[in-house]
Amino acid sequence: MGKAVRNKSGKRRKGIIAFLKARKIKRRNRSLGGDVFLTILLGAFGLFSLFPLWYIFVSAFKPFSEIFIFPPRLTVDNPTLNNFFDLKNIIEGFDVPLSRYIFNTLFITGIGTSGTVLLGSMAAFPLAKYRFPGSDLMNKLIVYALMFSTTVTAIPNYLIMSRLGLINTYWAVILPAVGGTLGLFLMRNFIVQIPDALLESSKIDGANEFQTYWKIVMPLCKPAWITLIILSFQQMWGTTGGVFIYSEELKPLSYVLSQLVNGGIARTGVASAVSLIMVLVPVSVFVISQSNVIETMATTGIKE
């Protein structure tokens, strides 16, 4: 019995070492000229991708007289905070306080993101590591479901939420997002690479299925679920509630700000401030966690 346990332990160590080696990305040998060229090329693409963000940032501080200058300028001659003050004055005139809109957004974003990560990872674990009747078909359906946009599923989602009596509630927005297949797809493709020997060794040590999932699988899949948090956060942060929420007290902040943008040409400066506010939070979250996103996307493309 002791010999069998030692063999299992040795097998576990070998499985861990092989898994860690598989996750290392080897640097290809390149000449100095190739490194310089690649650096310049990536820098050019980086500056090009930053152009929209810089324009949004600059426009938020432009006075009304500079916003309509053509061709558009990437600098501001007389920076001002009047756009933000105007936004504050408009919101203060609403019947519902701003704090209520912020709470609605934080609640929808927090619950929706947490539910997406937990449900996606818990469903991906058995699909990646167990074989049961219909598992192959289910995995194919998950891939096929990625082809359908939210526009295609809008009417079915509304009918389902209506039948459940969840219209005009937070859950009408949260549940369709939690039930998406993107998180399930990302987590499964990452979990499938974890060595089976590592999971078997945890069972030998007395861990049940949930303990194996929570203490072994989730720590090893950190890049995947951080990426999923970012993607889900961006989706939930920008949701307006659409046709699901009618009550003014339940609407998220993004809905109110989008209505301000539609106020006509006189609110162009306010619209610029709104754009900066809505973009700043998701971009900050992405920049902080971009290394995990890159690792997850690279791993997702690896064949089993």
Protein backbone atom coordinates (compact mmCIF):
# COMPACT_ATOMS: atom_id res chain seq x y z
CA MET A 1 0.00 0.00 0.00
CA GLY A 2 2.86 2.39 0.87
CA LYS A 3 4.62 1.60 -2.38
CA ALA A 4 1.47 2.37 -4.34
CA VAL A 5 1.10 5.70 -2.58
CA ARG A 6 4.74 6.55 -3.36
CA ASN A 7 4.21 5.66 -7.01
CA LYS A 8 1.15 7.88 -7.11
CA SER A 9 3.11 10.71 -5.47
CA GLY A 10 5.93 10.35 -7.98
CA LYS A 11 3.42 10.30 -10.80
CA ARG A 12 1.84 13.46 -9.41
CA ARG A 13 5.21 15.25 -9.26
CA LYS A 14 6.01 14.27 -12.83
CA GLY A 15 2.57 15.46 -13.94
CA ILE A 16 3.04 18.82 -12.24
CA ILE A 17 6.50 19.30 -13.75
CA ALA A 18 5.23 18.40 -17.22
CA PHE A 19 2.30 20.80 -16.88
CA LEU A 20 4.49 23.67 -15.75
CA LYS A 21 6.94 23.04 -18.58
CA ALA A 22 4.10 22.98 -21.09
CA ARG A 23 2.97 26.44 -19.95
CA LYS A 24 6.38 28.03 -20.51
CA ILE A 25 6.74 29.97 -23.75
CA LYS A 26 10.16 29.58 -25.32
CA ARG A 27 11.69 32.63 -26.90
CA ARG A 28 12.72 32.16 -30.52
CA ASN A 29 16.23 33.13 -31.50
CA ARG A 30 16.24 36.37 -33.51
CA SER A 31 18.94 38.71 -34.68
CA LEU A 32 19.37 42.18 -33.26
CA GLY A 33 17.99 43.70 -36.46
CA GLY A 34 14.91 41.49 -36.21
CA ASP A 35 14.32 42.56 -32.60
CA VAL A 36 14.61 46.24 -33.54
CA PHE A 37 12.25 45.85 -36.49
CA LEU A 38 9.72 43.93 -34.40
CA THR A 39 9.88 46.54 -31.63
CA ILE A 40 9.28 49.38 -34.10
CA LEU A 41 6.42 47.50 -35.77
CA LEU A 42 4.70 46.67 -32.48
CA GLY A 43 5.23 50.24 -31.26
CA ALA A 44 3.56 51.62 -34.39
CA PHE A 45 0.57 49.32 -33.97
CA GLY A 46 0.42 50.23 -30.29
CA LEU A 47 0.30 53.96 -31.02
CA PHE A 48 -2.36 53.38 -33.67
CA SER A 49 -4.53 51.42 -31.23
CA LEU A 50 -4.16 54.15 -28.59
CA PHE A 51 -5.42 56.85 -30.96
CA PRO A 52 -9.18 56.42 -30.13
CA LEU A 53 -8.49 56.35 -26.39
CA TRP A 54 -6.36 59.50 -26.56
CA TYR A 55 -8.99 61.28 -28.64
CA ILE A 56 -11.71 60.40 -26.11
CA PHE A 57 -9.51 61.64 -23.26
CA VAL A 58 -8.66 64.93 -24.96
CA SER A 59 -12.24 65.60 -26.10
CA ALA A 60 -13.52 65.32 -22.54
CA PHE A 61 -11.48 68.39 -21.55
CA LYS A 62 -12.13 70.51 -24.65
CA PRO A 63 -14.31 73.62 -24.39
CA PHE A 64 -17.32 73.80 -26.67
CA SER A 65 -15.49 76.07 -29.12
CA GLU A 66 -12.76 73.47 -29.78
CA ILE A 67 -14.91 70.38 -30.11
CA PHE A 68 -16.12 71.15 -33.64
CA ILE A 69 -12.79 72.25 -35.11
CA PHE A 70 -12.07 70.45 -38.37
CA PRO A 71 -9.84 68.58 -38.87
CA PRO A 72 -10.03 67.26 -35.30
CA ARG A 73 -7.05 68.08 -33.11
CA LEU A 74 -5.30 65.64 -30.80
CA THR A 75 -4.47 68.41 -28.34
CA VAL A 76 -6.49 70.91 -26.36
CA ASP A 77 -5.53 74.59 -26.20
CA ASN A 78 -7.74 75.61 -23.26
CA PRO A 79 -8.45 72.57 -21.09
CA THR A 80 -11.56 72.84 -18.93
CA LEU A 81 -13.67 70.79 -16.53
CA ASN A 82 -16.92 72.42 -17.59
CA ASN A 83 -18.07 69.25 -19.39
CA PHE A 84 -17.93 67.32 -16.11
CA PHE A 85 -19.60 70.13 -14.17
CA ASP A 86 -22.41 70.25 -16.74
CA LEU A 87 -22.81 66.50 -16.45
CA LYS A 88 -23.05 66.82 -12.66
CA ASN A 89 -25.68 69.56 -12.89
CA ILE A 90 -27.82 67.58 -15.32
CA ILE A 91 -27.74 64.43 -13.20
CA GLU A 92 -28.64 66.39 -10.05
CA GLY A 93 -31.89 67.39 -11.76
CA PHE A 94 -33.04 63.77 -12.03
CA ASP A 95 -35.72 62.34 -9.74
CA VAL A 96 -33.50 59.34 -8.92
CA PRO A 97 -30.18 60.14 -7.20
CA LEU A 98 -26.92 59.26 -8.91
CA SER A 99 -25.96 56.90 -6.09
CA ARG A 100 -28.92 54.69 -7.00
CA TYR A 101 -27.75 54.36 -10.60
CA ILE A 102 -24.24 53.54 -9.41
CA PHE A 103 -25.57 50.89 -7.04
CA ASN A 104 -27.61 49.30 -9.83
CA THR A 105 -24.55 49.13 -12.07
CA LEU A 106 -22.31 47.70 -9.34
CA PHE A 107 -24.92 45.10 -8.37
CA ILE A 108 -25.56 43.95 -11.93
CA THR A 109 -21.85 43.93 -12.79
CA GLY A 110 -20.74 42.20 -9.59
CA ILE A 111 -23.39 39.46 -9.53
CA GLY A 112 -23.25 38.93 -13.30
CA THR A 113 -19.46 38.64 -13.40
CA SER A 114 -19.26 36.36 -10.35
CA GLY A 115 -22.02 34.12 -11.66
CA THR A 116 -20.43 33.87 -15.10
CA VAL A 117 -17.07 32.80 -13.68
CA LEU A 118 -18.48 30.31 -11.16
CA LEU A 119 -21.07 28.74 -13.43
CA GLY A 120 -18.71 28.63 -16.41
CA SER A 121 -15.84 27.03 -14.48
CA MET A 122 -18.05 24.53 -12.62
CA ALA A 123 -19.67 23.38 -15.86
CA ALA A 124 -16.35 23.32 -17.73
CA PHE A 125 -14.67 21.02 -15.19
CA PRO A 126 -16.76 17.87 -15.86
CA LEU A 127 -16.93 18.62 -19.60
CA ALA A 128 -13.14 18.78 -19.78
CA LYS A 129 -12.22 15.88 -17.52
CA TYR A 130 -15.08 13.38 -17.72
CA ARG A 131 -16.65 11.39 -20.52
CA PHE A 132 -20.37 10.70 -20.33
CA PRO A 133 -23.13 10.06 -22.89
CA GLY A 134 -23.62 13.22 -24.94
CA SER A 135 -20.45 14.98 -23.76
CA ASP A 136 -19.00 15.29 -27.27
CA LEU A 137 -22.27 16.64 -28.62
CA MET A 138 -22.48 19.13 -25.78
CA ASN A 139 -18.96 20.39 -26.47
CA LYS A 140 -19.85 20.92 -30.13
CA LEU A 141 -23.02 22.78 -29.21
CA ILE A 142 -20.99 25.12 -27.02
CA VAL A 143 -18.78 26.03 -29.99
CA TYR A 144 -21.80 26.48 -32.27
CA ALA A 145 -23.50 28.72 -29.70
CA LEU A 146 -20.58 31.17 -29.91
CA MET A 147 -21.69 32.06 -33.45
CA PHE A 148 -24.97 33.58 -32.26
CA SER A 149 -24.79 37.23 -31.23
CA THR A 150 -26.91 38.80 -28.51
CA THR A 151 -29.07 40.41 -31.20
CA VAL A 152 -30.17 36.99 -32.45
CA THR A 153 -31.02 35.74 -28.96
CA ALA A 154 -32.72 38.96 -27.78
CA ILE A 155 -36.29 37.81 -28.51
CA PRO A 156 -35.86 34.29 -27.03
CA ASN A 157 -34.27 35.81 -23.92
CA TYR A 158 -37.14 38.24 -23.52
CA LEU A 159 -39.76 35.48 -23.89
CA ILE A 160 -37.99 33.30 -21.34
CA MET A 161 -37.59 36.12 -18.82
CA SER A 162 -41.23 37.09 -19.35
CA ARG A 163 -42.45 33.55 -18.70
CA LEU A 164 -40.35 33.44 -15.53
CA GLY A 165 -41.81 36.76 -14.36
CA LEU A 166 -38.41 38.43 -14.19
CA ILE A 167 -39.06 41.40 -16.47
CA ASN A 168 -38.26 44.72 -14.78
CA THR A 169 -35.84 43.07 -12.34
CA TYR A 170 -32.06 42.85 -12.12
CA TRP A 171 -32.18 39.14 -12.95
CA ALA A 172 -33.61 39.76 -16.40
CA VAL A 173 -30.22 41.26 -17.30
CA ILE A 174 -28.01 39.03 -15.15
CA LEU A 175 -29.29 35.54 -16.02
CA PRO A 176 -28.88 35.74 -19.84
CA ALA A 177 -25.30 36.95 -19.33
CA VAL A 178 -24.51 34.23 -16.79
CA GLY A 179 -25.93 31.60 -19.15
CA GLY A 180 -23.58 32.59 -21.99
CA THR A 181 -21.20 30.03 -23.48
CA LEU A 182 -18.05 32.13 -23.89
CA GLY A 183 -16.93 31.54 -20.31
CA LEU A 184 -17.65 27.84 -20.58
CA PHE A 185 -15.60 27.65 -23.78
CA LEU A 186 -12.60 29.50 -22.34
CA MET A 187 -12.53 27.57 -19.08
CA ARG A 188 -12.93 24.15 -20.72
CA ASN A 189 -10.05 24.73 -23.15
CA PHE A 190 -7.83 25.66 -20.23
CA ILE A 191 -8.92 22.91 -17.83
CA VAL A 192 -8.49 20.18 -20.44
CA GLN A 193 -4.71 20.75 -20.34
CA ILE A 194 -4.39 19.99 -16.63
CA PRO A 195 -2.83 16.51 -16.23
CA ASP A 196 -5.26 13.82 -15.10
CA ALA A 197 -2.56 12.49 -12.77
CA LEU A 198 -2.71 15.72 -10.81
CA LEU A 199 -6.44 15.38 -10.25
CA GLU A 200 -6.15 11.69 -9.38
CA SER A 201 -3.50 12.44 -6.78
CA SER A 202 -5.82 14.91 -5.07
CA LYS A 203 -8.46 12.17 -4.78
CA ILE A 204 -5.89 9.85 -3.24
CA ASP A 205 -5.18 12.54 -0.66
CA GLY A 206 -8.88 12.51 0.26
CA ALA A 207 -10.21 15.50 -1.67
CA ASN A 208 -13.76 15.33 -3.02
CA GLU A 209 -14.85 16.69 -6.40
CA PHE A 210 -15.55 20.21 -5.18
CA GLN A 211 -12.26 20.42 -3.28
CA THR A 212 -10.40 19.25 -6.40
CA TYR A 213 -12.18 21.89 -8.46
CA TRP A 214 -11.67 24.72 -5.96
CA LYS A 215 -8.15 24.00 -4.67
CA ILE A 216 -6.49 22.39 -7.69
CA VAL A 217 -8.28 23.41 -10.88
CA MET A 218 -9.13 27.03 -10.13
CA PRO A 219 -5.61 28.10 -9.00
CA LEU A 220 -4.09 26.53 -12.12
CA CYS A 221 -6.70 28.25 -14.31
CA LYS A 222 -6.09 31.71 -12.88
CA PRO A 223 -5.31 33.35 -16.28
CA ALA A 224 -8.51 31.89 -17.75
CA TRP A 225 -10.90 33.09 -15.07
CA ILE A 226 -9.22 36.48 -14.81
CA THR A 227 -9.75 36.87 -18.56
CA LEU A 228 -13.35 35.80 -18.12
CA ILE A 229 -13.79 38.38 -15.35
CA ILE A 230 -12.52 41.12 -17.65
CA LEU A 231 -14.73 40.12 -20.58
CA SER A 232 -17.81 39.69 -18.39
CA PHE A 233 -17.10 42.94 -16.53
CA GLN A 234 -16.91 44.88 -19.79
CA GLN A 235 -20.17 43.38 -20.99
CA MET A 236 -22.06 44.00 -17.77
CA TRP A 237 -20.58 47.47 -17.21
CA GLY A 238 -21.87 48.70 -20.56
CA THR A 239 -25.33 47.13 -20.41
CA THR A 240 -28.26 49.54 -20.46
CA GLY A 241 -30.96 47.12 -19.42
CA GLY A 242 -32.55 47.31 -22.86
CA VAL A 243 -36.17 46.19 -22.88
CA PHE A 244 -35.80 44.19 -19.68
CA ILE A 245 -35.86 47.05 -17.14
CA TYR A 246 -38.52 49.76 -17.19
CA SER A 247 -38.38 51.15 -13.68
CA GLU A 248 -36.21 54.25 -13.39
CA GLU A 249 -34.96 53.14 -9.96
CA LEU A 250 -33.57 49.89 -11.39
CA LYS A 251 -31.80 51.26 -14.45
CA PRO A 252 -27.99 51.15 -14.54
CA LEU A 253 -25.69 54.11 -14.91
CA SER A 254 -24.88 53.36 -18.55
CA TYR A 255 -28.55 53.83 -19.52
CA VAL A 256 -28.72 57.27 -17.94
CA LEU A 257 -25.47 58.38 -19.52
CA SER A 258 -26.56 57.12 -22.93
CA GLN A 259 -29.71 59.24 -22.64
CA LEU A 260 -27.58 62.30 -21.91
CA VAL A 261 -25.56 61.67 -25.07
CA ASN A 262 -28.79 61.79 -27.11
CA GLY A 263 -29.60 65.30 -25.85
CA GLY A 264 -28.55 67.03 -29.09
CA ILE A 265 -25.58 69.08 -30.24
CA ALA A 266 -25.68 71.29 -27.14
CA ARG A 267 -24.59 68.31 -25.04
CA THR A 268 -21.61 67.32 -27.19
CA GLY A 269 -19.20 68.29 -24.41
CA VAL A 270 -21.21 66.32 -21.87
CA ALA A 271 -21.19 63.35 -24.27
CA SER A 272 -17.39 63.53 -24.39
CA ALA A 273 -17.21 63.42 -20.61
CA VAL A 274 -19.63 60.48 -20.55
CA SER A 275 -17.51 58.57 -23.08
CA LEU A 276 -14.42 59.02 -20.93
CA ILE A 277 -16.19 57.82 -17.79
CA MET A 278 -17.63 54.72 -19.46
CA VAL A 279 -14.33 53.76 -21.10
CA LEU A 280 -11.96 54.51 -18.24
CA VAL A 281 -13.03 51.73 -15.86
CA PRO A 282 -13.00 48.75 -18.32
CA VAL A 283 -9.73 49.90 -19.90
CA SER A 284 -8.08 50.20 -16.48
CA VAL A 285 -9.17 46.68 -15.55
CA PHE A 286 -7.87 45.34 -18.86
CA VAL A 287 -4.48 47.06 -18.59
CA ILE A 288 -3.92 45.66 -15.11
CA SER A 289 -4.69 42.09 -16.19
CA GLN A 290 -3.55 42.06 -19.82
CA SER A 291 -0.82 39.44 -19.26
CA ASN A 292 -3.43 36.89 -18.15
CA VAL A 293 -5.61 37.71 -21.15
CA ILE A 294 -2.74 37.08 -23.57
CA GLU A 295 -1.86 33.77 -21.91
CA THR A 296 -5.48 32.60 -22.00
CA MET A 297 -5.98 33.49 -25.66
CA ALA A 298 -2.76 31.69 -26.59
CA THR A 299 -3.80 28.61 -24.62
CA THR A 300 -7.31 28.57 -26.09
CA GLY A 301 -5.89 28.10 -29.58
CA ILE A 302 -3.86 25.01 -28.64
CA LYS A 303 -5.27 21.75 -29.96
CA GLU A 304 -6.02 18.98 -27.54
